[in-house]
Amino acid sequence: MKRIKPIHKGRQVIWQSKQWPHFTVNDLQVKDALLDARRKQGQVLGKANAIVLKGAGELAQEMYIQEVMATSAIEGEPLNPESVRTSVLRKFGVSSSLDQTPKSQHVDGLVEVIQDTLENYSEPLTALRLYQWHRALFSQGTGGFRKITVGQFRTYEDLMQIVSGNFGKEVVHYTAAP
C-alpha cells in the first residue's frame, strides 16, 4: 500500500505523545470548568424533569435517526434515510408489517453501535466492546471490497488512515495509532 503524506505536517498527534496513553491532569486547572459544566448539566436536568415532554419517545427516535445519519455523513457514506428510520423504529419496537423498506445489515449494525454509545456512555471502552462494535459494523467480514478480520485488532503493519481525494492527489485527514 502506498504511504500517503499526512495533512498535519509536523504537528504531533495524540498517540505520538510520550505520555500516550497514560496522561495526567492537574485537578486545579480543570476544576472550575468541570464545576461550571456540572452546574449547567444540573440546570438542564432540573428543567427537563420539571416539565413532562409530550412525544419524548418520538424525540428519542428522531435523535437516533439524526445521529446515525450524521455519523454516516462524517464517513462520507450516504445512507438511505428510510432504511435508517426503519432500523431505528425496529430498535424501539415500533416496526410495522406494512413497511416495505429493505432491511440493511450495515444500517442495523450502525444503529446498534450508536445505541450502545448513547445508552452506555458511562461504561468503560474495553477491547471486547470495540470488537462488538466492529462485528456490528462489518458483519459480512468486508470493508468495501477488501476482506477484513472482524472482531479483533488489525494485525497488518500498514497505517490506518482516513483519506480523501482523487487517486494521486489524496489528502490524509487522520492517521491512527499503530
C-alpha atoms as a PDB file:
ATOM      1  CA  MET A   1       0.000   0.000   0.000  1.00  0.00           C
ATOM      2  CA  LYS A   2       1.262   3.441  -0.933  1.00  0.00           C
ATOM      3  CA  ARG A   3       2.089   5.595   2.100  1.00  0.00           C
ATOM      4  CA  ILE A   4       0.343   8.948   1.851  1.00  0.00           C
ATOM      5  CA  LYS A   5       1.685  12.111   3.403  1.00  0.00           C
ATOM      6  CA  PRO A   6      -0.381  13.287   6.401  1.00  0.00           C
ATOM      7  CA  ILE A   7      -2.115  16.664   6.338  1.00  0.00           C
ATOM      8  CA  HIS A   8      -0.959  17.502   9.883  1.00  0.00           C
ATOM      9  CA  LYS A   9       2.580  18.284   8.636  1.00  0.00           C
ATOM     10  CA  GLY A  10       4.967  18.439  11.544  1.00  0.00           C
ATOM     11  CA  ARG A  11       2.268  18.523  14.215  1.00  0.00           C
ATOM     12  CA  GLN A  12       2.247  15.755  16.744  1.00  0.00           C
ATOM     13  CA  VAL A  13      -0.919  13.686  17.009  1.00  0.00           C
ATOM     14  CA  ILE A  14      -2.086  12.457  20.401  1.00  0.00           C
ATOM     15  CA  TRP A  15      -0.836   8.880  20.073  1.00  0.00           C
ATOM     16  CA  GLN A  16       2.678  10.149  19.285  1.00  0.00           C
ATOM     17  CA  SER A  17       2.934  11.847  22.670  1.00  0.00           C
ATOM     18  CA  LYS A  18       5.495  10.415  25.106  1.00  0.00           C
ATOM     19  CA  GLN A  19       2.697  10.134  27.673  1.00  0.00           C
ATOM     20  CA  TRP A  20       0.392   8.088  25.377  1.00  0.00           C
ATOM     21  CA  PRO A  21      -1.878   6.612  26.666  1.00  0.00           C
ATOM     22  CA  HIS A  22      -1.050   7.455  30.284  1.00  0.00           C
ATOM     23  CA  PHE A  23      -1.981  11.121  30.642  1.00  0.00           C
ATOM     24  CA  THR A  24      -2.200  13.090  33.853  1.00  0.00           C
ATOM     25  CA  VAL A  25      -4.484  16.006  34.654  1.00  0.00           C
ATOM     26  CA  ASN A  26      -3.879  18.893  37.027  1.00  0.00           C
ATOM     27  CA  ASP A  27      -7.129  18.921  39.013  1.00  0.00           C
ATOM     28  CA  LEU A  28      -6.759  22.593  39.917  1.00  0.00           C
ATOM     29  CA  GLN A  29      -6.549  23.640  36.257  1.00  0.00           C
ATOM     30  CA  VAL A  30      -9.776  21.894  35.234  1.00  0.00           C
ATOM     31  CA  LYS A  31     -11.770  22.162  38.486  1.00  0.00           C
ATOM     32  CA  ASP A  32     -13.589  25.414  37.634  1.00  0.00           C
ATOM     33  CA  ALA A  33     -14.534  24.294  34.127  1.00  0.00           C
ATOM     34  CA  LEU A  34     -15.807  20.940  35.438  1.00  0.00           C
ATOM     35  CA  LEU A  35     -17.835  22.595  38.195  1.00  0.00           C
ATOM     36  CA  ASP A  36     -19.394  25.006  35.693  1.00  0.00           C
ATOM     37  CA  ALA A  37     -20.260  22.158  33.305  1.00  0.00           C
ATOM     38  CA  ARG A  38     -21.758  20.135  36.170  1.00  0.00           C
ATOM     39  CA  ARG A  39     -23.834  23.135  37.295  1.00  0.00           C
ATOM     40  CA  LYS A  40     -25.179  23.676  33.764  1.00  0.00           C
ATOM     41  CA  GLN A  41     -25.904  19.959  33.440  1.00  0.00           C
ATOM     42  CA  GLY A  42     -27.909  20.116  36.672  1.00  0.00           C
ATOM     43  CA  GLN A  43     -29.887  23.092  35.392  1.00  0.00           C
ATOM     44  CA  VAL A  44     -30.782  21.289  32.165  1.00  0.00           C
ATOM     45  CA  LEU A  45     -31.752  18.107  34.005  1.00  0.00           C
ATOM     46  CA  GLY A  46     -33.817  20.082  36.506  1.00  0.00           C
ATOM     47  CA  LYS A  47     -35.725  21.879  33.739  1.00  0.00           C
ATOM     48  CA  ALA A  48     -36.247  18.625  31.844  1.00  0.00           C
ATOM     49  CA  ASN A  49     -37.640  16.933  34.955  1.00  0.00           C
ATOM     50  CA  ALA A  50     -39.864  19.920  35.755  1.00  0.00           C
ATOM     51  CA  ILE A  51     -41.810  19.541  32.517  1.00  0.00           C
ATOM     52  CA  VAL A  52     -43.392  16.477  31.013  1.00  0.00           C
ATOM     53  CA  LEU A  53     -42.285  16.220  27.419  1.00  0.00           C
ATOM     54  CA  LYS A  54     -45.063  15.124  25.130  1.00  0.00           C
ATOM     55  CA  GLY A  55     -43.719  12.911  22.382  1.00  0.00           C
ATOM     56  CA  ALA A  56     -40.466  12.141  24.216  1.00  0.00           C
ATOM     57  CA  GLY A  57     -40.367   8.712  22.560  1.00  0.00           C
ATOM     58  CA  GLU A  58     -40.640  10.256  19.102  1.00  0.00           C
ATOM     59  CA  LEU A  59     -37.970  12.782  20.071  1.00  0.00           C
ATOM     60  CA  ALA A  60     -35.603   9.987  21.115  1.00  0.00           C
ATOM     61  CA  GLN A  61     -36.285   8.108  17.874  1.00  0.00           C
ATOM     62  CA  GLU A  62     -35.584  11.215  15.815  1.00  0.00           C
ATOM     63  CA  MET A  63     -32.396  11.826  17.815  1.00  0.00           C
ATOM     64  CA  TYR A  64     -31.168   8.310  16.967  1.00  0.00           C
ATOM     65  CA  ILE A  65     -32.053   8.755  13.288  1.00  0.00           C
ATOM     66  CA  GLN A  66     -30.216  12.088  13.093  1.00  0.00           C
ATOM     67  CA  GLU A  67     -27.187  10.674  14.931  1.00  0.00           C
ATOM     68  CA  VAL A  68     -26.927   7.692  12.564  1.00  0.00           C
ATOM     69  CA  MET A  69     -27.298   9.941   9.501  1.00  0.00           C
ATOM     70  CA  ALA A  70     -24.688  12.420  10.811  1.00  0.00           C
ATOM     71  CA  THR A  71     -22.242   9.620  11.641  1.00  0.00           C
ATOM     72  CA  SER A  72     -22.508   8.145   8.163  1.00  0.00           C
ATOM     73  CA  ALA A  73     -22.145  11.613   6.610  1.00  0.00           C
ATOM     74  CA  ILE A  74     -18.889  12.147   8.516  1.00  0.00           C
ATOM     75  CA  GLU A  75     -17.613   8.921   6.969  1.00  0.00           C
ATOM     76  CA  GLY A  76     -18.713  10.132   3.530  1.00  0.00           C
ATOM     77  CA  GLU A  77     -21.127   7.226   3.290  1.00  0.00           C
ATOM     78  CA  PRO A  78     -24.651   8.342   2.459  1.00  0.00           C
ATOM     79  CA  LEU A  79     -27.343   6.041   3.823  1.00  0.00           C
ATOM     80  CA  ASN A  80     -30.925   5.606   2.729  1.00  0.00           C
ATOM     81  CA  PRO A  81     -32.876   7.700   5.270  1.00  0.00           C
ATOM     82  CA  GLU A  82     -35.826   5.294   5.141  1.00  0.00           C
ATOM     83  CA  SER A  83     -33.551   2.331   5.915  1.00  0.00           C
ATOM     84  CA  VAL A  84     -32.168   4.244   8.902  1.00  0.00           C
ATOM     85  CA  ARG A  85     -35.660   5.221  10.096  1.00  0.00           C
ATOM     86  CA  THR A  86     -36.904   1.621   9.737  1.00  0.00           C
ATOM     87  CA  SER A  87     -33.894   0.223  11.624  1.00  0.00           C
ATOM     88  CA  VAL A  88     -34.264   2.738  14.455  1.00  0.00           C
ATOM     89  CA  LEU A  89     -38.005   2.121  14.742  1.00  0.00           C
ATOM     90  CA  ARG A  90     -37.354  -1.645  14.922  1.00  0.00           C
ATOM     91  CA  LYS A  91     -34.900  -0.967  17.783  1.00  0.00           C
ATOM     92  CA  PHE A  92     -37.678   0.947  19.567  1.00  0.00           C
ATOM     93  CA  GLY A  93     -40.156  -1.847  18.869  1.00  0.00           C
ATOM     94  CA  VAL A  94     -42.277   0.331  16.581  1.00  0.00           C
ATOM     95  CA  SER A  95     -41.801  -1.534  13.297  1.00  0.00           C
ATOM     96  CA  SER A  96     -44.776  -2.135  11.062  1.00  0.00           C
ATOM     97  CA  SER A  97     -45.567  -5.211   8.997  1.00  0.00           C
ATOM     98  CA  LEU A  98     -46.621  -2.783   6.248  1.00  0.00           C
ATOM     99  CA  ASP A  99     -43.127  -1.313   5.961  1.00  0.00           C
ATOM    100  CA  GLN A 100     -41.569  -2.342   2.647  1.00  0.00           C
ATOM    101  CA  THR A 101     -38.130  -0.749   3.233  1.00  0.00           C
ATOM    102  CA  PRO A 102     -35.457  -3.404   2.661  1.00  0.00           C
ATOM    103  CA  LYS A 103     -33.504  -4.381   5.767  1.00  0.00           C
ATOM    104  CA  SER A 104     -29.831  -3.368   5.708  1.00  0.00           C
ATOM    105  CA  GLN A 105     -27.367  -5.239   7.925  1.00  0.00           C
ATOM    106  CA  HIS A 106     -24.946  -2.339   7.615  1.00  0.00           C
ATOM    107  CA  VAL A 107     -27.522   0.209   8.797  1.00  0.00           C
ATOM    108  CA  ASP A 108     -28.719  -2.120  11.570  1.00  0.00           C
ATOM    109  CA  GLY A 109     -25.122  -2.545  12.747  1.00  0.00           C
ATOM    110  CA  LEU A 110     -24.515   1.198  12.788  1.00  0.00           C
ATOM    111  CA  VAL A 111     -27.762   1.735  14.721  1.00  0.00           C
ATOM    112  CA  GLU A 112     -26.605  -0.883  17.264  1.00  0.00           C
ATOM    113  CA  VAL A 113     -23.292   0.915  17.758  1.00  0.00           C
ATOM    114  CA  ILE A 114     -24.965   4.328  18.093  1.00  0.00           C
ATOM    115  CA  GLN A 115     -27.470   2.865  20.565  1.00  0.00           C
ATOM    116  CA  ASP A 116     -24.657   1.388  22.647  1.00  0.00           C
ATOM    117  CA  THR A 117     -22.694   4.643  22.689  1.00  0.00           C
ATOM    118  CA  LEU A 118     -25.732   6.750  23.628  1.00  0.00           C
ATOM    119  CA  GLU A 119     -27.136   4.400  26.260  1.00  0.00           C
ATOM    120  CA  ASN A 120     -23.918   3.038  27.762  1.00  0.00           C
ATOM    121  CA  TYR A 121     -21.649   6.084  27.562  1.00  0.00           C
ATOM    122  CA  SER A 122     -20.572   5.682  31.183  1.00  0.00           C
ATOM    123  CA  GLU A 123     -19.362   2.108  30.653  1.00  0.00           C
ATOM    124  CA  PRO A 124     -15.634   1.547  30.086  1.00  0.00           C
ATOM    125  CA  LEU A 125     -14.474   1.345  26.489  1.00  0.00           C
ATOM    126  CA  THR A 126     -12.930  -2.137  26.538  1.00  0.00           C
ATOM    127  CA  ALA A 127     -11.371  -4.210  23.789  1.00  0.00           C
ATOM    128  CA  LEU A 128     -14.411  -6.517  23.941  1.00  0.00           C
ATOM    129  CA  ARG A 129     -16.768  -3.575  23.409  1.00  0.00           C
ATOM    130  CA  LEU A 130     -14.713  -2.356  20.443  1.00  0.00           C
ATOM    131  CA  TYR A 131     -14.766  -5.875  18.986  1.00  0.00           C
ATOM    132  CA  GLN A 132     -18.563  -5.965  19.335  1.00  0.00           C
ATOM    133  CA  TRP A 133     -18.864  -2.639  17.509  1.00  0.00           C
ATOM    134  CA  HIS A 134     -16.550  -3.965  14.812  1.00  0.00           C
ATOM    135  CA  ARG A 135     -18.672  -7.099  14.362  1.00  0.00           C
ATOM    136  CA  ALA A 136     -21.828  -4.970  14.174  1.00  0.00           C
ATOM    137  CA  LEU A 137     -20.335  -2.676  11.520  1.00  0.00           C
ATOM    138  CA  PHE A 138     -18.613  -5.345   9.427  1.00  0.00           C
ATOM    139  CA  SER A 139     -20.888  -8.352   9.860  1.00  0.00           C
ATOM    140  CA  GLN A 140     -20.052  -9.599   6.363  1.00  0.00           C
ATOM    141  CA  GLY A 141     -16.289  -9.584   7.034  1.00  0.00           C
ATOM    142  CA  THR A 142     -15.528  -6.982   4.396  1.00  0.00           C
ATOM    143  CA  GLY A 143     -14.637  -3.308   4.377  1.00  0.00           C
ATOM    144  CA  GLY A 144     -15.556  -2.105   0.913  1.00  0.00           C
ATOM    145  CA  PHE A 145     -14.048  -4.647  -1.470  1.00  0.00           C
ATOM    146  CA  ARG A 146     -11.409  -5.766   0.983  1.00  0.00           C
ATOM    147  CA  LYS A 147     -11.773  -8.818   3.255  1.00  0.00           C
ATOM    148  CA  ILE A 148     -11.035  -7.905   6.852  1.00  0.00           C
ATOM    149  CA  THR A 149     -10.625  -9.798  10.095  1.00  0.00           C
ATOM    150  CA  VAL A 150     -13.635  -8.852  12.189  1.00  0.00           C
ATOM    151  CA  GLY A 151     -13.751  -8.563  15.969  1.00  0.00           C
ATOM    152  CA  GLN A 152     -10.081  -8.114  16.740  1.00  0.00           C
ATOM    153  CA  PHE A 153      -7.363  -5.513  16.404  1.00  0.00           C
ATOM    154  CA  ARG A 154      -5.732  -5.294  12.995  1.00  0.00           C
ATOM    155  CA  THR A 155      -2.641  -7.395  12.520  1.00  0.00           C
ATOM    156  CA  TYR A 156      -1.083  -5.798   9.442  1.00  0.00           C
ATOM    157  CA  GLU A 157       1.638  -3.165   9.571  1.00  0.00           C
ATOM    158  CA  ASP A 158       0.151  -0.518   7.240  1.00  0.00           C
ATOM    159  CA  LEU A 159      -1.006   2.641   8.982  1.00  0.00           C
ATOM    160  CA  MET A 160      -4.745   3.102   9.261  1.00  0.00           C
ATOM    161  CA  GLN A 161      -5.596   6.433   7.644  1.00  0.00           C
ATOM    162  CA  ILE A 162      -8.668   8.485   6.801  1.00  0.00           C
ATOM    163  CA  VAL A 163      -8.016   9.648   3.256  1.00  0.00           C
ATOM    164  CA  SER A 164      -9.965  11.655   0.695  1.00  0.00           C
ATOM    165  CA  GLY A 165      -9.283  12.975  -2.772  1.00  0.00           C
ATOM    166  CA  ASN A 166      -8.654  11.574  -6.219  1.00  0.00           C
ATOM    167  CA  PHE A 167      -6.004   8.964  -6.922  1.00  0.00           C
ATOM    168  CA  GLY A 168      -2.584  10.647  -6.858  1.00  0.00           C
ATOM    169  CA  LYS A 169      -3.952  13.699  -5.020  1.00  0.00           C
ATOM    170  CA  GLU A 170      -5.012  12.032  -1.782  1.00  0.00           C
ATOM    171  CA  VAL A 171      -5.224  14.015   1.441  1.00  0.00           C
ATOM    172  CA  VAL A 172      -4.721  12.247   4.769  1.00  0.00           C
ATOM    173  CA  HIS A 173      -7.033  13.682   7.399  1.00  0.00           C
ATOM    174  CA  TYR A 174      -6.067  11.359  10.222  1.00  0.00           C
ATOM    175  CA  THR A 175      -3.534   8.630  10.931  1.00  0.00           C
ATOM    176  CA  ALA A 176      -4.480   6.159  13.647  1.00  0.00           C
ATOM    177  CA  ALA A 177      -2.148   4.883  16.313  1.00  0.00           C
ATOM    178  CA  PRO A 178      -0.105   1.894  15.122  1.00  0.00           C
END
